[in-house]
Every structure is written in C-alpha cells, then in structure tokens.
C-alpha atoms as a PDB file:
ATOM      1  CA  MET A   1      49.145 253.178 111.038  1.00  0.00           C
ATOM      2  CA  TYR A   2      49.197 250.671 113.828  1.00  0.00           C
ATOM      3  CA  VAL A   3      52.534 250.326 115.612  1.00  0.00           C
ATOM      4  CA  THR A   4      51.408 247.916 118.315  1.00  0.00           C
ATOM      5  CA  VAL A   5      48.773 245.214 118.522  1.00  0.00           C
ATOM      6  CA  GLN A   6      47.209 247.276 121.284  1.00  0.00           C
ATOM      7  CA  ASP A   7      46.837 250.224 118.847  1.00  0.00           C
ATOM      8  CA  LEU A   8      45.034 247.916 116.474  1.00  0.00           C
ATOM      9  CA  ILE A   9      42.794 246.512 119.232  1.00  0.00           C
ATOM     10  CA  VAL A  10      41.826 250.004 120.390  1.00  0.00           C
ATOM     11  CA  GLU A  11      40.798 250.942 116.840  1.00  0.00           C
ATOM     12  CA  TRP A  12      38.943 247.632 116.407  1.00  0.00           C
ATOM     13  CA  LYS A  13      36.999 248.142 119.637  1.00  0.00           C
ATOM     14  CA  ASN A  14      36.099 251.741 118.746  1.00  0.00           C
ATOM     15  CA  GLU A  15      34.781 250.734 115.326  1.00  0.00           C
ATOM     16  CA  ALA A  16      33.040 247.668 116.784  1.00  0.00           C
ATOM     17  CA  VAL A  17      31.041 249.881 119.168  1.00  0.00           C
ATOM     18  CA  LEU A  18      29.827 251.955 116.216  1.00  0.00           C
ATOM     19  CA  THR A  19      29.003 248.889 114.135  1.00  0.00           C
ATOM     20  CA  GLN A  20      27.201 247.283 117.067  1.00  0.00           C
ATOM     21  CA  LYS A  21      24.986 250.373 117.440  1.00  0.00           C
ATOM     22  CA  VAL A  22      23.976 250.051 113.790  1.00  0.00           C
ATOM     23  CA  LEU A  23      23.328 246.318 113.989  1.00  0.00           C
ATOM     24  CA  ASP A  24      21.377 246.690 117.238  1.00  0.00           C
ATOM     25  CA  GLY A  25      19.013 249.040 115.388  1.00  0.00           C
ATOM     26  CA  LEU A  26      18.020 246.488 112.765  1.00  0.00           C
ATOM     27  CA  THR A  27      14.612 244.826 112.651  1.00  0.00           C
ATOM     28  CA  ASP A  28      13.637 241.589 110.976  1.00  0.00           C
ATOM     29  CA  HIS A  29      11.328 243.489 108.632  1.00  0.00           C
ATOM     30  CA  ALA A  30      14.091 245.909 107.608  1.00  0.00           C
ATOM     31  CA  LEU A  31      16.396 243.013 106.693  1.00  0.00           C
ATOM     32  CA  GLN A  32      14.324 242.654 103.518  1.00  0.00           C
ATOM     33  CA  GLN A  33      15.081 246.219 102.328  1.00  0.00           C
ATOM     34  CA  GLN A  34      16.777 245.904  98.938  1.00  0.00           C
ATOM     35  CA  VAL A  35      19.452 248.054  97.361  1.00  0.00           C
ATOM     36  CA  TYR A  36      17.476 247.811  94.091  1.00  0.00           C
ATOM     37  CA  PRO A  37      14.902 245.338  92.754  1.00  0.00           C
ATOM     38  CA  GLY A  38      16.641 241.985  92.564  1.00  0.00           C
ATOM     39  CA  GLY A  39      19.673 243.299  94.441  1.00  0.00           C
ATOM     40  CA  ARG A  40      21.089 242.365  97.811  1.00  0.00           C
ATOM     41  CA  THR A  41      19.063 243.042 100.907  1.00  0.00           C
ATOM     42  CA  LEU A  42      20.108 244.915 104.009  1.00  0.00           C
ATOM     43  CA  GLY A  43      20.164 241.555 105.799  1.00  0.00           C
ATOM     44  CA  ARG A  44      22.449 239.972 103.200  1.00  0.00           C
ATOM     45  CA  ILE A  45      24.894 242.905 103.365  1.00  0.00           C
ATOM     46  CA  ALA A  46      24.995 242.939 107.172  1.00  0.00           C
ATOM     47  CA  TRP A  47      25.359 239.166 107.397  1.00  0.00           C
ATOM     48  CA  HIS A  48      28.073 239.247 104.721  1.00  0.00           C
ATOM     49  CA  PHE A  49      30.359 241.604 106.589  1.00  0.00           C
ATOM     50  CA  VAL A  50      29.728 239.926 109.942  1.00  0.00           C
ATOM     51  CA  THR A  51      30.456 236.401 108.690  1.00  0.00           C
ATOM     52  CA  ASN A  52      33.355 237.564 106.531  1.00  0.00           C
ATOM     53  CA  ILE A  53      35.422 238.723 109.512  1.00  0.00           C
ATOM     54  CA  PRO A  54      36.662 235.250 110.590  1.00  0.00           C
ATOM     55  CA  ASP A  55      37.228 234.193 106.967  1.00  0.00           C
ATOM     56  CA  TYR A  56      39.225 237.332 106.210  1.00  0.00           C
ATOM     57  CA  LEU A  57      41.401 237.095 109.298  1.00  0.00           C
ATOM     58  CA  THR A  58      41.965 233.351 109.019  1.00  0.00           C
ATOM     59  CA  ASN A  59      43.084 233.878 105.432  1.00  0.00           C
ATOM     60  CA  PHE A  60      45.831 236.157 106.767  1.00  0.00           C
ATOM     61  CA  GLY A  61      46.907 234.011 109.689  1.00  0.00           C
ATOM     62  CA  VAL A  62      44.696 235.100 112.599  1.00  0.00           C
ATOM     63  CA  LEU A  63      42.585 232.096 113.513  1.00  0.00           C
ATOM     64  CA  VAL A  64      39.060 233.123 114.506  1.00  0.00           C
ATOM     65  CA  GLU A  65      36.237 230.592 114.771  1.00  0.00           C
ATOM     66  CA  LYS A  66      33.987 230.813 111.720  1.00  0.00           C
ATOM     67  CA  VAL A  67      30.218 231.184 111.675  1.00  0.00           C
ATOM     68  CA  SER A  68      28.474 227.838 111.220  1.00  0.00           C
ATOM     69  CA  ASN A  69      25.957 228.865 108.539  1.00  0.00           C
ATOM     70  CA  PRO A  70      27.089 231.991 106.704  1.00  0.00           C
ATOM     71  CA  ASN A  71      24.782 231.482 103.704  1.00  0.00           C
ATOM     72  CA  GLU A  72      21.437 231.896 105.464  1.00  0.00           C
ATOM     73  CA  VAL A  73      20.646 235.320 106.861  1.00  0.00           C
ATOM     74  CA  PRO A  74      19.329 234.912 110.425  1.00  0.00           C
ATOM     75  CA  SER A  75      17.190 237.310 112.446  1.00  0.00           C
ATOM     76  CA  ALA A  76      18.286 240.874 113.128  1.00  0.00           C
ATOM     77  CA  LYS A  77      18.924 239.926 116.740  1.00  0.00           C
ATOM     78  CA  GLU A  78      21.161 237.021 115.708  1.00  0.00           C
ATOM     79  CA  ILE A  79      23.147 239.233 113.325  1.00  0.00           C
ATOM     80  CA  ALA A  80      23.826 241.717 116.136  1.00  0.00           C
ATOM     81  CA  GLU A  81      24.654 238.979 118.652  1.00  0.00           C
ATOM     82  CA  THR A  82      26.961 237.217 116.187  1.00  0.00           C
ATOM     83  CA  PHE A  83      28.856 240.428 115.484  1.00  0.00           C
ATOM     84  CA  ASN A  84      29.290 241.024 119.209  1.00  0.00           C
ATOM     85  CA  MET A  85      30.630 237.502 119.690  1.00  0.00           C
ATOM     86  CA  ILE A  86      32.969 237.656 116.675  1.00  0.00           C
ATOM     87  CA  SER A  87      34.229 241.088 117.648  1.00  0.00           C
ATOM     88  CA  SER A  88      35.270 239.759 121.061  1.00  0.00           C
ATOM     89  CA  ARG A  89      36.890 236.722 119.465  1.00  0.00           C
ATOM     90  CA  VAL A  90      38.937 238.993 117.214  1.00  0.00           C
ATOM     91  CA  VAL A  91      40.343 240.866 120.194  1.00  0.00           C
ATOM     92  CA  GLN A  92      41.225 237.612 121.949  1.00  0.00           C
ATOM     93  CA  ALA A  93      42.790 236.136 118.800  1.00  0.00           C
ATOM     94  CA  LEU A  94      44.922 239.232 118.203  1.00  0.00           C
ATOM     95  CA  GLN A  95      46.128 239.246 121.804  1.00  0.00           C
ATOM     96  CA  GLU A  96      47.025 235.560 121.648  1.00  0.00           C
ATOM     97  CA  GLN A  97      48.315 235.198 118.084  1.00  0.00           C
ATOM     98  CA  TRP A  98      50.009 238.443 117.072  1.00  0.00           C
ATOM     99  CA  THR A  99      52.889 240.406 118.490  1.00  0.00           C
ATOM    100  CA  ASP A 100      53.884 243.948 117.620  1.00  0.00           C
ATOM    101  CA  ASP A 101      56.360 242.472 115.137  1.00  0.00           C
ATOM    102  CA  SER A 102      53.510 240.558 113.456  1.00  0.00           C
ATOM    103  CA  LEU A 103      52.122 243.881 112.266  1.00  0.00           C
ATOM    104  CA  LYS A 104      55.215 244.412 110.112  1.00  0.00           C
ATOM    105  CA  HIS A 105      55.024 240.994 108.438  1.00  0.00           C
ATOM    106  CA  VAL A 106      54.337 241.407 104.704  1.00  0.00           C
ATOM    107  CA  GLN A 107      52.176 238.991 102.734  1.00  0.00           C
ATOM    108  CA  ASN A 108      50.121 238.849  99.555  1.00  0.00           C
ATOM    109  CA  ALA A 109      46.728 240.451 100.045  1.00  0.00           C
ATOM    110  CA  PHE A 110      44.492 240.354  97.004  1.00  0.00           C
ATOM    111  CA  GLY A 111      47.438 240.566  94.610  1.00  0.00           C
ATOM    112  CA  ARG A 112      49.385 243.202  96.545  1.00  0.00           C
ATOM    113  CA  LEU A 113      52.172 242.866  99.068  1.00  0.00           C
ATOM    114  CA  GLU A 114      50.975 244.482 102.283  1.00  0.00           C
ATOM    115  CA  SER A 115      51.889 244.485 105.939  1.00  0.00           C
ATOM    116  CA  ASN A 116      49.573 242.766 108.389  1.00  0.00           C
ATOM    117  CA  ALA A 117      48.790 246.199 109.825  1.00  0.00           C
ATOM    118  CA  THR A 118      47.595 247.373 106.402  1.00  0.00           C
ATOM    119  CA  ILE A 119      45.681 244.147 105.840  1.00  0.00           C
ATOM    120  CA  PHE A 120      43.854 244.612 109.141  1.00  0.00           C
ATOM    121  CA  LEU A 121      43.085 248.224 108.242  1.00  0.00           C
ATOM    122  CA  GLY A 122      41.550 246.827 105.029  1.00  0.00           C
ATOM    123  CA  LEU A 123      39.194 244.692 107.119  1.00  0.00           C
ATOM    124  CA  ILE A 124      38.085 247.725 109.122  1.00  0.00           C
ATOM    125  CA  LYS A 125      37.518 249.692 105.906  1.00  0.00           C
ATOM    126  CA  HIS A 126      35.496 246.793 104.490  1.00  0.00           C
ATOM    127  CA  ILE A 127      33.226 246.832 107.533  1.00  0.00           C
ATOM    128  CA  VAL A 128      32.910 250.646 107.455  1.00  0.00           C
ATOM    129  CA  HIS A 129      31.989 250.503 103.750  1.00  0.00           C
ATOM    130  CA  HIS A 130      29.208 248.003 104.358  1.00  0.00           C
ATOM    131  CA  ARG A 131      28.109 249.741 107.550  1.00  0.00           C
ATOM    132  CA  GLY A 132      27.484 252.828 105.413  1.00  0.00           C
ATOM    133  CA  GLN A 133      25.409 250.798 102.976  1.00  0.00           C
ATOM    134  CA  VAL A 134      23.412 249.385 105.867  1.00  0.00           C
ATOM    135  CA  THR A 135      22.640 252.830 107.294  1.00  0.00           C
ATOM    136  CA  VAL A 136      21.331 254.038 103.928  1.00  0.00           C
ATOM    137  CA  LEU A 137      19.077 250.995 103.703  1.00  0.00           C
ATOM    138  CA  MET A 138      17.988 251.542 107.310  1.00  0.00           C
ATOM    139  CA  ARG A 139      16.936 255.081 106.355  1.00  0.00           C
ATOM    140  CA  GLN A 140      14.977 253.698 103.382  1.00  0.00           C
ATOM    141  CA  ALA A 141      13.335 251.180 105.746  1.00  0.00           C
ATOM    142  CA  GLU A 142      12.405 254.117 108.009  1.00  0.00           C
ATOM    143  CA  LEU A 143      14.558 252.982 110.917  1.00  0.00           C
ATOM    144  CA  PRO A 144      16.354 255.519 113.116  1.00  0.00           C
ATOM    145  CA  ILE A 145      20.068 255.825 112.440  1.00  0.00           C
ATOM    146  CA  PRO A 146      22.469 255.937 115.387  1.00  0.00           C
ATOM    147  CA  ALA A 147      25.236 258.509 115.534  1.00  0.00           C
ATOM    148  CA  ILE A 148      28.404 257.150 113.969  1.00  0.00           C
ATOM    149  CA  TYR A 149      31.034 259.843 113.441  1.00  0.00           C
ATOM    150  CA  GLY A 150      28.639 262.600 114.405  1.00  0.00           C
ATOM    151  CA  PRO A 151      24.921 263.086 114.987  1.00  0.00           C
ATOM    152  CA  SER A 152      22.406 261.502 112.649  1.00  0.00           C
ATOM    153  CA  LYS A 153      19.189 263.265 111.671  1.00  0.00           C
ATOM    154  CA  GLU A 154      17.632 261.857 114.836  1.00  0.00           C
ATOM    155  CA  GLY A 155      20.596 262.958 116.927  1.00  0.00           C
ATOM    156  CA  TRP A 156      20.377 266.518 115.643  1.00  0.00           C
ATOM    157  CA  ALA A 157      16.669 266.547 116.488  1.00  0.00           C
ATOM    158  CA  GLN A 158      17.415 265.381 120.041  1.00  0.00           C
ATOM    159  CA  LEU A 159      19.828 268.299 120.333  1.00  0.00           C
ATOM    160  CA  GLY A 160      17.089 270.669 119.158  1.00  0.00           C
ATOM    161  CA  VAL A 161      19.024 271.513 116.003  1.00  0.00           C
ATOM    162  CA  THR A 162      17.742 271.454 112.448  1.00  0.00           C
ATOM    163  CA  PRO A 163      20.031 268.999 110.653  1.00  0.00           C
ATOM    164  CA  PRO A 164      22.304 270.556 108.069  1.00  0.00           C
ATOM    165  CA  LEU A 165      21.380 269.783 104.472  1.00  0.00           C
END
C-alpha cells in the first residue's frame, strides 16, 4: 500500500509508461476491432479508460482537468497523446493537492468506505484491466503487442526464444 504520495506517484508513473506503450501501438484501423459483434470497440475501451481518469479522481477530491469531448472516440494518435497529457496532469495534481496524510483519509467509494490510497489503487487496477482488454483486441487486429510485465510474443521472438504456450 502507498504510505507517501511519492510512493503513489512512482507507481502511477511506472504503470503510465506501460499503458503509453500500448496506446502508442494503436492504429486508427485497429480502433474498430470489436470485442464481439455489436460490442464495444478497442477504440471505445481505450478512450473510456483515458477519459475516465479525470472524472474518477475529481470524484474523490483530486481536481484534474477533464477531457472536452469524452463521447467521441478520436484518432489513435489523439488517444495516446491525451493519455500522456492526463498522466502528467495527475502527477502534478497529486503533488499539489494531496499530502501523505491525504492517503489515509477515508471516504465512500462505490458503496464502500476506503482510504484514498485504496481508491487510487482502484484507479490503477481499472486502467490495468482495460489495458489487458486492449492488448487482446490489438492481437486480434494483428498489431504487435509491447512487453508489459514481461516479453510479448514479439519480444520473445526478438530474444530468439520460442514463446511459451
């Protein structure tokens, strides 16, 4: 668990680098890849978690400027650029608005009483969940997958190793 705001920022930055690698690999064509016929697209999922970050944090007392048009999925490049911008804003907002004691503050989060540290961890888990969905859809769209917590199929190939099954 996070004890200091700096602990939280370090974790945020580490996860943001991984998420940015995924978003940087998107193409406009791949944004149309659907989970199932009639289901959400890769673009909708990626844009959802990117635009949700300011809403989520603002709801719990960290003011981060919201995205102007969260309902229309932009280009792949704009999704990646928006995430990069929001990610930086989150770091700045945390540094300016929270203290180490803020992490201990307890509030209602989706019907449960949770500390701000736990609430922030929930945001990271939300992004990781959707990042996983995006990588599966990237694979279906025949895009290369960057290494996240270890080599991807492409990473194993670059190492000259047959990927484990």
